[in-house]
Amino acid sequence: MRNRLNIFNVLSFLVSALPFVIYLFMYPTMPRKVAIHYGFNGVADRFVDKSSPEVWLLCGLSLISFMIMLLLQPILRRRFKSQEGSEMLKSLPGLIIVLISVVFSTIGMCFLLNASGM
C-alpha cells in the first residue's frame, strides 16, 4: 500500500486549513454580526454572530471535503490504476483532491472577506 503522506495530500491539507487561519486572524476585526446568506439580488438576508457554528462550518467546508476525498482516495487510485496510461493518470487522484480543496477553500475565504466588509 502506498504511503498516504504525499505532496498532494499535504498541499490539500494546507489549502483546506487556510480559511481557519484567516478566520482566526480576522476574528478580532470582524463585525459582531456577519452575513451568512445572500439572496438572488446579492443582498444579505440572514445574519449570525461571528462565533456561530455556521461560521465555523463555512470555514471548515474545505477541511470536510478534504477528509471525504481522503477516504475516497483508495477507490480513485484503483480506478485509475486499472487503466493503462502514463504517470499523469497515476497522479490524477491527487490532483483531483487538490482541486476540490482549492474550490471549497476559495468559497470559505470569499465568505470571510465578505463578512469582514473587504
PDB file of N, CA and C in Angstrom:
ATOM      1  N   MET A   1       0.838  -1.185   0.000  1.00  0.00           N
ATOM      2  CA  MET A   1       0.000   0.000   0.000  1.00  0.00           C
ATOM      3  C   MET A   1       0.879   1.244   0.000  1.00  0.00           C
ATOM      4  N   ARG A   2       0.509   2.165  -0.770  1.00  0.00           N
ATOM      5  CA  ARG A   2       1.288   3.383  -0.924  1.00  0.00           C
ATOM      6  C   ARG A   2       1.096   4.302   0.280  1.00  0.00           C
ATOM      7  N   ASN A   3       2.130   5.013   0.595  1.00  0.00           N
ATOM      8  CA  ASN A   3       2.092   5.929   1.730  1.00  0.00           C
ATOM      9  C   ASN A   3       1.079   7.034   1.469  1.00  0.00           C
ATOM     10  N   ARG A   4       0.218   7.309   2.450  1.00  0.00           N
ATOM     11  CA  ARG A   4      -0.820   8.335   2.273  1.00  0.00           C
ATOM     12  C   ARG A   4      -0.274   9.756   2.392  1.00  0.00           C
ATOM     13  N   LEU A   5       0.927   9.892   2.946  1.00  0.00           N
ATOM     14  CA  LEU A   5       1.503  11.218   3.113  1.00  0.00           C
ATOM     15  C   LEU A   5       2.309  11.561   1.869  1.00  0.00           C
ATOM     16  N   ASN A   6       1.612  12.085   0.871  1.00  0.00           N
ATOM     17  CA  ASN A   6       2.302  12.508  -0.336  1.00  0.00           C
ATOM     18  C   ASN A   6       2.123  14.011  -0.514  1.00  0.00           C
ATOM     19  N   ILE A   7       2.762  14.552  -1.515  1.00  0.00           N
ATOM     20  CA  ILE A   7       2.764  16.006  -1.712  1.00  0.00           C
ATOM     21  C   ILE A   7       1.356  16.542  -1.972  1.00  0.00           C
ATOM     22  N   PHE A   8       0.521  15.772  -2.683  1.00  0.00           N
ATOM     23  CA  PHE A   8      -0.834  16.237  -2.967  1.00  0.00           C
ATOM     24  C   PHE A   8      -1.673  16.320  -1.700  1.00  0.00           C
ATOM     25  N   ASN A   9      -1.541  15.336  -0.813  1.00  0.00           N
ATOM     26  CA  ASN A   9      -2.302  15.355   0.434  1.00  0.00           C
ATOM     27  C   ASN A   9      -1.845  16.475   1.357  1.00  0.00           C
ATOM     28  N   VAL A  10      -0.540  16.702   1.433  1.00  0.00           N
ATOM     29  CA  VAL A  10      -0.025  17.784   2.273  1.00  0.00           C
ATOM     30  C   VAL A  10      -0.488  19.130   1.733  1.00  0.00           C
ATOM     31  N   LEU A  11      -0.386  19.324   0.422  1.00  0.00           N
ATOM     32  CA  LEU A  11      -0.821  20.578  -0.198  1.00  0.00           C
ATOM     33  C   LEU A  11      -2.320  20.790   0.007  1.00  0.00           C
ATOM     34  N   SER A  12      -3.102  19.741  -0.171  1.00  0.00           N
ATOM     35  CA  SER A  12      -4.549  19.839   0.021  1.00  0.00           C
ATOM     36  C   SER A  12      -4.902  20.193   1.459  1.00  0.00           C
ATOM     37  N   PHE A  13      -4.202  19.589   2.415  1.00  0.00           N
ATOM     38  CA  PHE A  13      -4.465  19.908   3.819  1.00  0.00           C
ATOM     39  C   PHE A  13      -4.140  21.374   4.120  1.00  0.00           C
ATOM     40  N   LEU A  14      -3.008  21.856   3.617  1.00  0.00           N
ATOM     41  CA  LEU A  14      -2.634  23.250   3.860  1.00  0.00           C
ATOM     42  C   LEU A  14      -3.638  24.212   3.245  1.00  0.00           C
ATOM     43  N   VAL A  15      -4.082  23.918   2.040  1.00  0.00           N
ATOM     44  CA  VAL A  15      -5.088  24.764   1.383  1.00  0.00           C
ATOM     45  C   VAL A  15      -6.407  24.701   2.152  1.00  0.00           C
ATOM     46  N   SER A  16      -6.767  23.518   2.628  1.00  0.00           N
ATOM     47  CA  SER A  16      -8.023  23.350   3.371  1.00  0.00           C
ATOM     48  C   SER A  16      -8.001  24.060   4.718  1.00  0.00           C
ATOM     49  N   ALA A  17      -6.838  24.154   5.334  1.00  0.00           N
ATOM     50  CA  ALA A  17      -6.729  24.811   6.639  1.00  0.00           C
ATOM     51  C   ALA A  17      -6.656  26.331   6.522  1.00  0.00           C
ATOM     52  N   LEU A  18      -6.418  26.847   5.340  1.00  0.00           N
ATOM     53  CA  LEU A  18      -6.258  28.286   5.146  1.00  0.00           C
ATOM     54  C   LEU A  18      -7.459  29.112   5.612  1.00  0.00           C
ATOM     55  N   PRO A  19      -8.722  28.722   5.335  1.00  0.00           N
ATOM     56  CA  PRO A  19      -9.839  29.517   5.854  1.00  0.00           C
ATOM     57  C   PRO A  19      -9.861  29.629   7.377  1.00  0.00           C
ATOM     58  N   PHE A  20      -9.463  28.564   8.089  1.00  0.00           N
ATOM     59  CA  PHE A  20      -9.392  28.644   9.550  1.00  0.00           C
ATOM     60  C   PHE A  20      -8.345  29.652  10.000  1.00  0.00           C
ATOM     61  N   VAL A  21      -7.203  29.651   9.359  1.00  0.00           N
ATOM     62  CA  VAL A  21      -6.133  30.589   9.711  1.00  0.00           C
ATOM     63  C   VAL A  21      -6.598  32.028   9.461  1.00  0.00           C
ATOM     64  N   ILE A  22      -7.228  32.246   8.326  1.00  0.00           N
ATOM     65  CA  ILE A  22      -7.741  33.586   8.007  1.00  0.00           C
ATOM     66  C   ILE A  22      -8.807  33.994   9.021  1.00  0.00           C
ATOM     67  N   TYR A  23      -9.684  33.059   9.372  1.00  0.00           N
ATOM     68  CA  TYR A  23     -10.732  33.357  10.351  1.00  0.00           C
ATOM     69  C   TYR A  23     -10.140  33.767  11.693  1.00  0.00           C
ATOM     70  N   LEU A  24      -9.127  33.060  12.146  1.00  0.00           N
ATOM     71  CA  LEU A  24      -8.513  33.386  13.434  1.00  0.00           C
ATOM     72  C   LEU A  24      -7.847  34.760  13.415  1.00  0.00           C
ATOM     73  N   PHE A  25      -7.240  35.123  12.288  1.00  0.00           N
ATOM     74  CA  PHE A  25      -6.619  36.444  12.203  1.00  0.00           C
ATOM     75  C   PHE A  25      -7.653  37.557  12.054  1.00  0.00           C
ATOM     76  N   MET A  26      -8.752  37.277  11.381  1.00  0.00           N
ATOM     77  CA  MET A  26      -9.760  38.303  11.125  1.00  0.00           C
ATOM     78  C   MET A  26     -10.785  38.431  12.246  1.00  0.00           C
ATOM     79  N   TYR A  27     -10.862  37.455  13.121  1.00  0.00           N
ATOM     80  CA  TYR A  27     -11.902  37.422  14.147  1.00  0.00           C
ATOM     81  C   TYR A  27     -11.987  38.708  14.969  1.00  0.00           C
ATOM     82  N   PRO A  28     -10.876  39.256  15.466  1.00  0.00           N
ATOM     83  CA  PRO A  28     -10.998  40.476  16.275  1.00  0.00           C
ATOM     84  C   PRO A  28     -11.540  41.681  15.508  1.00  0.00           C
ATOM     85  N   THR A  29     -11.339  41.732  14.210  1.00  0.00           N
ATOM     86  CA  THR A  29     -11.770  42.899  13.437  1.00  0.00           C
ATOM     87  C   THR A  29     -13.110  42.693  12.744  1.00  0.00           C
ATOM     88  N   MET A  30     -13.659  41.492  12.820  1.00  0.00           N
ATOM     89  CA  MET A  30     -14.943  41.227  12.177  1.00  0.00           C
ATOM     90  C   MET A  30     -16.071  41.882  12.970  1.00  0.00           C
ATOM     91  N   PRO A  31     -17.125  42.321  12.263  1.00  0.00           N
ATOM     92  CA  PRO A  31     -18.279  42.852  12.997  1.00  0.00           C
ATOM     93  C   PRO A  31     -18.951  41.751  13.806  1.00  0.00           C
ATOM     94  N   ARG A  32     -19.697  42.149  14.834  1.00  0.00           N
ATOM     95  CA  ARG A  32     -20.335  41.168  15.719  1.00  0.00           C
ATOM     96  C   ARG A  32     -21.285  40.248  14.946  1.00  0.00           C
ATOM     97  N   LYS A  33     -22.059  40.800  14.036  1.00  0.00           N
ATOM     98  CA  LYS A  33     -22.991  40.034  13.203  1.00  0.00           C
ATOM     99  C   LYS A  33     -22.437  39.980  11.786  1.00  0.00           C
ATOM    100  N   VAL A  34     -22.406  38.775  11.217  1.00  0.00           N
ATOM    101  CA  VAL A  34     -21.913  38.604   9.853  1.00  0.00           C
ATOM    102  C   VAL A  34     -23.017  38.007   8.987  1.00  0.00           C
ATOM    103  N   ALA A  35     -22.994  38.353   7.709  1.00  0.00           N
ATOM    104  CA  ALA A  35     -23.979  37.828   6.758  1.00  0.00           C
ATOM    105  C   ALA A  35     -23.629  36.377   6.443  1.00  0.00           C
ATOM    106  N   ILE A  36     -24.622  35.523   6.545  1.00  0.00           N
ATOM    107  CA  ILE A  36     -24.393  34.100   6.298  1.00  0.00           C
ATOM    108  C   ILE A  36     -25.113  33.640   5.033  1.00  0.00           C
ATOM    109  N   HIS A  37     -26.057  34.412   4.562  1.00  0.00           N
ATOM    110  CA  HIS A  37     -26.808  34.043   3.364  1.00  0.00           C
ATOM    111  C   HIS A  37     -27.143  35.286   2.561  1.00  0.00           C
ATOM    112  N   TYR A  38     -27.064  35.150   1.253  1.00  0.00           N
ATOM    113  CA  TYR A  38     -27.384  36.243   0.347  1.00  0.00           C
ATOM    114  C   TYR A  38     -28.504  35.810  -0.581  1.00  0.00           C
ATOM    115  N   GLY A  39     -29.400  36.744  -0.899  1.00  0.00           N
ATOM    116  CA  GLY A  39     -30.485  36.465  -1.838  1.00  0.00           C
ATOM    117  C   GLY A  39     -29.992  36.528  -3.267  1.00  0.00           C
ATOM    118  N   PHE A  40     -30.912  36.307  -4.196  1.00  0.00           N
ATOM    119  CA  PHE A  40     -30.558  36.327  -5.614  1.00  0.00           C
ATOM    120  C   PHE A  40     -30.076  37.697  -6.074  1.00  0.00           C
ATOM    121  N   ASN A  41     -30.526  38.741  -5.415  1.00  0.00           N
ATOM    122  CA  ASN A  41     -30.123  40.090  -5.797  1.00  0.00           C
ATOM    123  C   ASN A  41     -28.808  40.521  -5.145  1.00  0.00           C
ATOM    124  N   GLY A  42     -28.169  39.631  -4.391  1.00  0.00           N
ATOM    125  CA  GLY A  42     -26.878  39.931  -3.778  1.00  0.00           C
ATOM    126  C   GLY A  42     -26.965  40.652  -2.444  1.00  0.00           C
ATOM    127  N   VAL A  43     -28.176  40.791  -1.911  1.00  0.00           N
ATOM    128  CA  VAL A  43     -28.371  41.463  -0.632  1.00  0.00           C
ATOM    129  C   VAL A  43     -28.413  40.410   0.474  1.00  0.00           C
ATOM    130  N   ALA A  44     -27.686  40.692   1.547  1.00  0.00           N
ATOM    131  CA  ALA A  44     -27.653  39.763   2.679  1.00  0.00           C
ATOM    132  C   ALA A  44     -29.021  39.719   3.335  1.00  0.00           C
ATOM    133  N   ASP A  45     -29.511  38.489   3.578  1.00  0.00           N
ATOM    134  CA  ASP A  45     -30.831  38.357   4.194  1.00  0.00           C
ATOM    135  C   ASP A  45     -30.826  37.502   5.456  1.00  0.00           C
ATOM    136  N   ARG A  46     -29.647  37.072   5.893  1.00  0.00           N
ATOM    137  CA  ARG A  46     -29.554  36.315   7.152  1.00  0.00           C
ATOM    138  C   ARG A  46     -28.221  36.623   7.804  1.00  0.00           C
ATOM    139  N   PHE A  47     -28.277  36.978   9.082  1.00  0.00           N
ATOM    140  CA  PHE A  47     -27.080  37.338   9.834  1.00  0.00           C
ATOM    141  C   PHE A  47     -26.972  36.456  11.076  1.00  0.00           C
ATOM    142  N   VAL A  48     -25.734  36.133  11.448  1.00  0.00           N
ATOM    143  CA  VAL A  48     -25.470  35.352  12.658  1.00  0.00           C
ATOM    144  C   VAL A  48     -24.295  35.990  13.395  1.00  0.00           C
ATOM    145  N   ASP A  49     -24.111  35.571  14.643  1.00  0.00           N
ATOM    146  CA  ASP A  49     -22.974  36.028  15.426  1.00  0.00           C
ATOM    147  C   ASP A  49     -21.686  35.482  14.805  1.00  0.00           C
ATOM    148  N   LYS A  50     -20.602  36.245  14.911  1.00  0.00           N
ATOM    149  CA  LYS A  50     -19.349  35.839  14.266  1.00  0.00           C
ATOM    150  C   LYS A  50     -18.741  34.572  14.864  1.00  0.00           C
ATOM    151  N   SER A  51     -19.177  34.166  16.047  1.00  0.00           N
ATOM    152  CA  SER A  51     -18.681  32.924  16.644  1.00  0.00           C
ATOM    153  C   SER A  51     -19.689  31.781  16.504  1.00  0.00           C
ATOM    154  N   SER A  52     -20.653  31.937  15.634  1.00  0.00           N
ATOM    155  CA  SER A  52     -21.687  30.931  15.423  1.00  0.00           C
ATOM    156  C   SER A  52     -21.109  29.657  14.802  1.00  0.00           C
ATOM    157  N   PRO A  53     -21.699  28.504  15.113  1.00  0.00           N
ATOM    158  CA  PRO A  53     -21.244  27.254  14.480  1.00  0.00           C
ATOM    159  C   PRO A  53     -21.365  27.278  12.954  1.00  0.00           C
ATOM    160  N   GLU A  54     -22.297  28.073  12.431  1.00  0.00           N
ATOM    161  CA  GLU A  54     -22.440  28.167  10.978  1.00  0.00           C
ATOM    162  C   GLU A  54     -21.213  28.802  10.340  1.00  0.00           C
ATOM    163  N   VAL A  55     -20.617  29.755  11.021  1.00  0.00           N
ATOM    164  CA  VAL A  55     -19.395  30.385  10.520  1.00  0.00           C
ATOM    165  C   VAL A  55     -18.261  29.369  10.543  1.00  0.00           C
ATOM    166  N   TRP A  56     -18.169  28.600  11.624  1.00  0.00           N
ATOM    167  CA  TRP A  56     -17.145  27.559  11.707  1.00  0.00           C
ATOM    168  C   TRP A  56     -17.338  26.521  10.609  1.00  0.00           C
ATOM    169  N   LEU A  57     -18.602  26.190  10.330  1.00  0.00           N
ATOM    170  CA  LEU A  57     -18.892  25.213   9.285  1.00  0.00           C
ATOM    171  C   LEU A  57     -18.465  25.723   7.913  1.00  0.00           C
ATOM    172  N   LEU A  58     -18.723  26.988   7.624  1.00  0.00           N
ATOM    173  CA  LEU A  58     -18.295  27.546   6.342  1.00  0.00           C
ATOM    174  C   LEU A  58     -16.771  27.570   6.224  1.00  0.00           C
ATOM    175  N   CYS A  59     -16.101  27.839   7.325  1.00  0.00           N
ATOM    176  CA  CYS A  59     -14.631  27.794   7.305  1.00  0.00           C
ATOM    177  C   CYS A  59     -14.129  26.359   7.168  1.00  0.00           C
ATOM    178  N   GLY A  60     -14.865  25.421   7.746  1.00  0.00           N
ATOM    179  CA  GLY A  60     -14.434  24.035   7.728  1.00  0.00           C
ATOM    180  C   GLY A  60     -14.904  23.236   6.534  1.00  0.00           C
ATOM    181  N   LEU A  61     -15.641  23.870   5.628  1.00  0.00           N
ATOM    182  CA  LEU A  61     -16.139  23.174   4.452  1.00  0.00           C
ATOM    183  C   LEU A  61     -15.013  22.550   3.634  1.00  0.00           C
ATOM    184  N   SER A  62     -13.934  23.265   3.481  1.00  0.00           N
ATOM    185  CA  SER A  62     -12.815  22.735   2.698  1.00  0.00           C
ATOM    186  C   SER A  62     -12.134  21.580   3.430  1.00  0.00           C
ATOM    187  N   LEU A  63     -12.040  21.671   4.745  1.00  0.00           N
ATOM    188  CA  LEU A  63     -11.421  20.588   5.515  1.00  0.00           C
ATOM    189  C   LEU A  63     -12.297  19.331   5.497  1.00  0.00           C
ATOM    190  N   ILE A  64     -13.602  19.518   5.559  1.00  0.00           N
ATOM    191  CA  ILE A  64     -14.529  18.387   5.474  1.00  0.00           C
ATOM    192  C   ILE A  64     -14.429  17.728   4.105  1.00  0.00           C
ATOM    193  N   SER A  65     -14.389  18.533   3.042  1.00  0.00           N
ATOM    194  CA  SER A  65     -14.272  17.958   1.695  1.00  0.00           C
ATOM    195  C   SER A  65     -12.932  17.250   1.526  1.00  0.00           C
ATOM    196  N   PHE A  66     -11.874  17.777   2.129  1.00  0.00           N
ATOM    197  CA  PHE A  66     -10.564  17.118   2.069  1.00  0.00           C
ATOM    198  C   PHE A  66     -10.619  15.745   2.737  1.00  0.00           C
ATOM    199  N   MET A  67     -11.252  15.666   3.898  1.00  0.00           N
ATOM    200  CA  MET A  67     -11.333  14.381   4.598  1.00  0.00           C
ATOM    201  C   MET A  67     -12.168  13.367   3.818  1.00  0.00           C
ATOM    202  N   ILE A  68     -13.249  13.827   3.199  1.00  0.00           N
ATOM    203  CA  ILE A  68     -14.062  12.925   2.382  1.00  0.00           C
ATOM    204  C   ILE A  68     -13.260  12.421   1.191  1.00  0.00           C
ATOM    205  N   MET A  69     -12.537  13.316   0.538  1.00  0.00           N
ATOM    206  CA  MET A  69     -11.727  12.912  -0.613  1.00  0.00           C
ATOM    207  C   MET A  69     -10.589  11.996  -0.183  1.00  0.00           C
ATOM    208  N   LEU A  70     -10.066  12.192   0.997  1.00  0.00           N
ATOM    209  CA  LEU A  70      -9.014  11.322   1.507  1.00  0.00           C
ATOM    210  C   LEU A  70      -9.549   9.899   1.713  1.00  0.00           C
ATOM    211  N   LEU A  71     -10.794   9.805   2.162  1.00  0.00           N
ATOM    212  CA  LEU A  71     -11.419   8.492   2.314  1.00  0.00           C
ATOM    213  C   LEU A  71     -11.697   7.840   0.960  1.00  0.00           C
ATOM    214  N   LEU A  72     -11.992   8.656  -0.049  1.00  0.00           N
ATOM    215  CA  LEU A  72     -12.275   8.134  -1.390  1.00  0.00           C
ATOM    216  C   LEU A  72     -11.013   7.888  -2.211  1.00  0.00           C
ATOM    217  N   GLN A  73      -9.884   8.339  -1.712  1.00  0.00           N
ATOM    218  CA  GLN A  73      -8.641   8.235  -2.467  1.00  0.00           C
ATOM    219  C   GLN A  73      -8.286   6.795  -2.869  1.00  0.00           C
ATOM    220  N   PRO A  74      -8.427   5.778  -2.004  1.00  0.00           N
ATOM    221  CA  PRO A  74      -8.117   4.406  -2.451  1.00  0.00           C
ATOM    222  C   PRO A  74      -8.993   3.941  -3.610  1.00  0.00           C
ATOM    223  N   ILE A  75     -10.255   4.340  -3.617  1.00  0.00           N
ATOM    224  CA  ILE A  75     -11.154   3.973  -4.706  1.00  0.00           C
ATOM    225  C   ILE A  75     -10.710   4.635  -6.001  1.00  0.00           C
ATOM    226  N   LEU A  76     -10.345   5.920  -5.919  1.00  0.00           N
ATOM    227  CA  LEU A  76      -9.870   6.631  -7.106  1.00  0.00           C
ATOM    228  C   LEU A  76      -8.569   6.026  -7.627  1.00  0.00           C
ATOM    229  N   ARG A  77      -7.688   5.680  -6.732  1.00  0.00           N
ATOM    230  CA  ARG A  77      -6.408   5.092  -7.150  1.00  0.00           C
ATOM    231  C   ARG A  77      -6.623   3.773  -7.886  1.00  0.00           C
ATOM    232  N   ARG A  78      -7.515   2.922  -7.358  1.00  0.00           N
ATOM    233  CA  ARG A  78      -7.797   1.656  -8.037  1.00  0.00           C
ATOM    234  C   ARG A  78      -8.422   1.887  -9.401  1.00  0.00           C
ATOM    235  N   ARG A  79      -9.282   2.873  -9.479  1.00  0.00           N
ATOM    236  CA  ARG A  79      -9.965   3.177 -10.747  1.00  0.00           C
ATOM    237  C   ARG A  79      -8.968   3.600 -11.810  1.00  0.00           C
ATOM    238  N   PHE A  80      -8.042   4.483 -11.448  1.00  0.00           N
ATOM    239  CA  PHE A  80      -7.080   4.972 -12.427  1.00  0.00           C
ATOM    240  C   PHE A  80      -5.910   4.015 -12.613  1.00  0.00           C
ATOM    241  N   LYS A  81      -5.678   3.153 -11.656  1.00  0.00           N
ATOM    242  CA  LYS A  81      -4.602   2.175 -11.778  1.00  0.00           C
ATOM    243  C   LYS A  81      -4.979   1.077 -12.771  1.00  0.00           C
ATOM    244  N   SER A  82      -6.273   0.782 -12.862  1.00  0.00           N
ATOM    245  CA  SER A  82      -6.714  -0.280 -13.748  1.00  0.00           C
ATOM    246  C   SER A  82      -6.593   0.103 -15.219  1.00  0.00           C
ATOM    247  N   GLN A  83      -6.476   1.390 -15.492  1.00  0.00           N
ATOM    248  CA  GLN A  83      -6.339   1.838 -16.871  1.00  0.00           C
ATOM    249  C   GLN A  83      -4.873   1.964 -17.238  1.00  0.00           C
ATOM    250  N   GLU A  84      -4.564   1.522 -18.435  1.00  0.00           N
ATOM    251  CA  GLU A  84      -3.197   1.679 -18.925  1.00  0.00           C
ATOM    252  C   GLU A  84      -2.991   3.140 -19.279  1.00  0.00           C
ATOM    253  N   GLY A  85      -1.869   3.683 -18.882  1.00  0.00           N
ATOM    254  CA  GLY A  85      -1.629   5.079 -19.209  1.00  0.00           C
ATOM    255  C   GLY A  85      -0.315   5.562 -18.655  1.00  0.00           C
ATOM    256  N   SER A  86      -0.176   6.829 -18.688  1.00  0.00           N
ATOM    257  CA  SER A  86       1.069   7.459 -18.286  1.00  0.00           C
ATOM    258  C   SER A  86       1.084   7.732 -16.790  1.00  0.00           C
ATOM    259  N   GLU A  87       2.138   8.368 -16.353  1.00  0.00           N
ATOM    260  CA  GLU A  87       2.260   8.771 -14.946  1.00  0.00           C
ATOM    261  C   GLU A  87       1.200   9.804 -14.591  1.00  0.00           C
ATOM    262  N   MET A  88       0.740  10.548 -15.581  1.00  0.00           N
ATOM    263  CA  MET A  88      -0.279  11.571 -15.315  1.00  0.00           C
ATOM    264  C   MET A  88      -1.550  10.932 -14.758  1.00  0.00           C
ATOM    265  N   LEU A  89      -1.944   9.788 -15.309  1.00  0.00           N
ATOM    266  CA  LEU A  89      -3.137   9.118 -14.801  1.00  0.00           C
ATOM    267  C   LEU A  89      -2.945   8.629 -13.378  1.00  0.00           C
ATOM    268  N   LYS A  90      -1.728   8.257 -13.021  1.00  0.00           N
ATOM    269  CA  LYS A  90      -1.466   7.797 -11.660  1.00  0.00           C
ATOM    270  C   LYS A  90      -1.544   8.942 -10.655  1.00  0.00           C
ATOM    271  N   SER A  91      -1.215  10.160 -11.087  1.00  0.00           N
ATOM    272  CA  SER A  91      -1.259  11.304 -10.180  1.00  0.00           C
ATOM    273  C   SER A  91      -2.602  12.030 -10.221  1.00  0.00           C
ATOM    274  N   LEU A  92      -3.508  11.600 -11.083  1.00  0.00           N
ATOM    275  CA  LEU A  92      -4.804  12.268 -11.213  1.00  0.00           C
ATOM    276  C   LEU A  92      -5.623  12.279  -9.925  1.00  0.00           C
ATOM    277  N   PRO A  93      -5.700  11.186  -9.157  1.00  0.00           N
ATOM    278  CA  PRO A  93      -6.462  11.266  -7.894  1.00  0.00           C
ATOM    279  C   PRO A  93      -5.930  12.347  -6.950  1.00  0.00           C
ATOM    280  N   GLY A  94      -4.618  12.506  -6.865  1.00  0.00           N
ATOM    281  CA  GLY A  94      -4.044  13.562  -6.026  1.00  0.00           C
ATOM    282  C   GLY A  94      -4.386  14.947  -6.535  1.00  0.00           C
ATOM    283  N   LEU A  95      -4.373  15.114  -7.845  1.00  0.00           N
ATOM    284  CA  LEU A  95      -4.723  16.408  -8.429  1.00  0.00           C
ATOM    285  C   LEU A  95      -6.197  16.742  -8.208  1.00  0.00           C
ATOM    286  N   ILE A  96      -7.042  15.725  -8.252  1.00  0.00           N
ATOM    287  CA  ILE A  96      -8.469  15.940  -8.002  1.00  0.00           C
ATOM    288  C   ILE A  96      -8.683  16.419  -6.567  1.00  0.00           C
ATOM    289  N   ILE A  97      -7.983  15.823  -5.624  1.00  0.00           N
ATOM    290  CA  ILE A  97      -8.110  16.227  -4.221  1.00  0.00           C
ATOM    291  C   ILE A  97      -7.645  17.670  -4.037  1.00  0.00           C
ATOM    292  N   VAL A  98      -6.546  18.045  -4.676  1.00  0.00           N
ATOM    293  CA  VAL A  98      -6.060  19.428  -4.584  1.00  0.00           C
ATOM    294  C   VAL A  98      -7.088  20.380  -5.181  1.00  0.00           C
ATOM    295  N   LEU A  99      -7.642  20.041  -6.330  1.00  0.00           N
ATOM    296  CA  LEU A  99      -8.619  20.907  -6.991  1.00  0.00           C
ATOM    297  C   LEU A  99      -9.858  21.108  -6.124  1.00  0.00           C
ATOM    298  N   ILE A 100     -10.385  20.038  -5.558  1.00  0.00           N
ATOM    299  CA  ILE A 100     -11.577  20.153  -4.715  1.00  0.00           C
ATOM    300  C   ILE A 100     -11.266  20.956  -3.452  1.00  0.00           C
ATOM    301  N   SER A 101     -10.094  20.765  -2.887  1.00  0.00           N
ATOM    302  CA  SER A 101      -9.700  21.544  -1.707  1.00  0.00           C
ATOM    303  C   SER A 101      -9.603  23.023  -2.032  1.00  0.00           C
ATOM    304  N   VAL A 102      -9.055  23.349  -3.185  1.00  0.00           N
ATOM    305  CA  VAL A 102      -8.934  24.749  -3.592  1.00  0.00           C
ATOM    306  C   VAL A 102     -10.312  25.369  -3.799  1.00  0.00           C
ATOM    307  N   VAL A 103     -11.227  24.642  -4.426  1.00  0.00           N
ATOM    308  CA  VAL A 103     -12.569  25.178  -4.679  1.00  0.00           C
ATOM    309  C   VAL A 103     -13.281  25.481  -3.368  1.00  0.00           C
ATOM    310  N   PHE A 104     -13.315  24.525  -2.449  1.00  0.00           N
ATOM    311  CA  PHE A 104     -14.026  24.747  -1.196  1.00  0.00           C
ATOM    312  C   PHE A 104     -13.303  25.739  -0.286  1.00  0.00           C
ATOM    313  N   SER A 105     -11.996  25.794  -0.357  1.00  0.00           N
ATOM    314  CA  SER A 105     -11.244  26.776   0.412  1.00  0.00           C
ATOM    315  C   SER A 105     -11.535  28.187  -0.103  1.00  0.00           C
ATOM    316  N   THR A 106     -11.648  28.324  -1.404  1.00  0.00           N
ATOM    317  CA  THR A 106     -11.978  29.623  -2.000  1.00  0.00           C
ATOM    318  C   THR A 106     -13.356  30.083  -1.568  1.00  0.00           C
ATOM    319  N   ILE A 107     -14.302  29.161  -1.504  1.00  0.00           N
ATOM    320  CA  ILE A 107     -15.653  29.514  -1.038  1.00  0.00           C
ATOM    321  C   ILE A 107     -15.589  30.031   0.396  1.00  0.00           C
ATOM    322  N   GLY A 108     -14.843  29.357   1.265  1.00  0.00           N
ATOM    323  CA  GLY A 108     -14.711  29.803   2.656  1.00  0.00           C
ATOM    324  C   GLY A 108     -14.024  31.149   2.776  1.00  0.00           C
ATOM    325  N   MET A 109     -12.973  31.364   1.986  1.00  0.00           N
ATOM    326  CA  MET A 109     -12.266  32.644   2.050  1.00  0.00           C
ATOM    327  C   MET A 109     -13.102  33.774   1.508  1.00  0.00           C
ATOM    328  N   CYS A 110     -13.902  33.526   0.451  1.00  0.00           N
ATOM    329  CA  CYS A 110     -14.792  34.569  -0.071  1.00  0.00           C
ATOM    330  C   CYS A 110     -15.818  34.955   0.973  1.00  0.00           C
ATOM    331  N   PHE A 111     -16.357  33.949   1.678  1.00  0.00           N
ATOM    332  CA  PHE A 111     -17.302  34.244   2.757  1.00  0.00           C
ATOM    333  C   PHE A 111     -16.656  35.139   3.808  1.00  0.00           C
ATOM    334  N   LEU A 112     -15.433  34.806   4.216  1.00  0.00           N
ATOM    335  CA  LEU A 112     -14.758  35.582   5.254  1.00  0.00           C
ATOM    336  C   LEU A 112     -14.483  37.009   4.790  1.00  0.00           C
ATOM    337  N   LEU A 113     -14.079  37.162   3.547  1.00  0.00           N
ATOM    338  CA  LEU A 113     -13.814  38.504   3.033  1.00  0.00           C
ATOM    339  C   LEU A 113     -15.098  39.327   2.956  1.00  0.00           C
ATOM    340  N   ASN A 114     -16.206  38.693   2.559  1.00  0.00           N
ATOM    341  CA  ASN A 114     -17.494  39.400   2.561  1.00  0.00           C
ATOM    342  C   ASN A 114     -17.939  39.745   3.966  1.00  0.00           C
ATOM    343  N   ALA A 115     -17.701  38.835   4.898  1.00  0.00           N
ATOM    344  CA  ALA A 115     -18.129  39.051   6.284  1.00  0.00           C
ATOM    345  C   ALA A 115     -17.360  40.204   6.924  1.00  0.00           C
ATOM    346  N   SER A 116     -16.111  40.367   6.536  1.00  0.00           N
ATOM    347  CA  SER A 116     -15.323  41.441   7.132  1.00  0.00           C
ATOM    348  C   SER A 116     -15.536  42.777   6.455  1.00  0.00           C
ATOM    349  N   GLY A 117     -16.253  42.771   5.327  1.00  0.00           N
ATOM    350  CA  GLY A 117     -16.527  44.013   4.638  1.00  0.00           C
ATOM    351  C   GLY A 117     -15.450  44.427   3.651  1.00  0.00           C
ATOM    352  N   MET A 118     -14.537  43.524   3.327  1.00  0.00           N
ATOM    353  CA  MET A 118     -13.460  43.842   2.375  1.00  0.00           C
ATOM    354  C   MET A 118     -13.926  43.698   0.964  1.00  0.00           C
TER     355      MET A 118
END
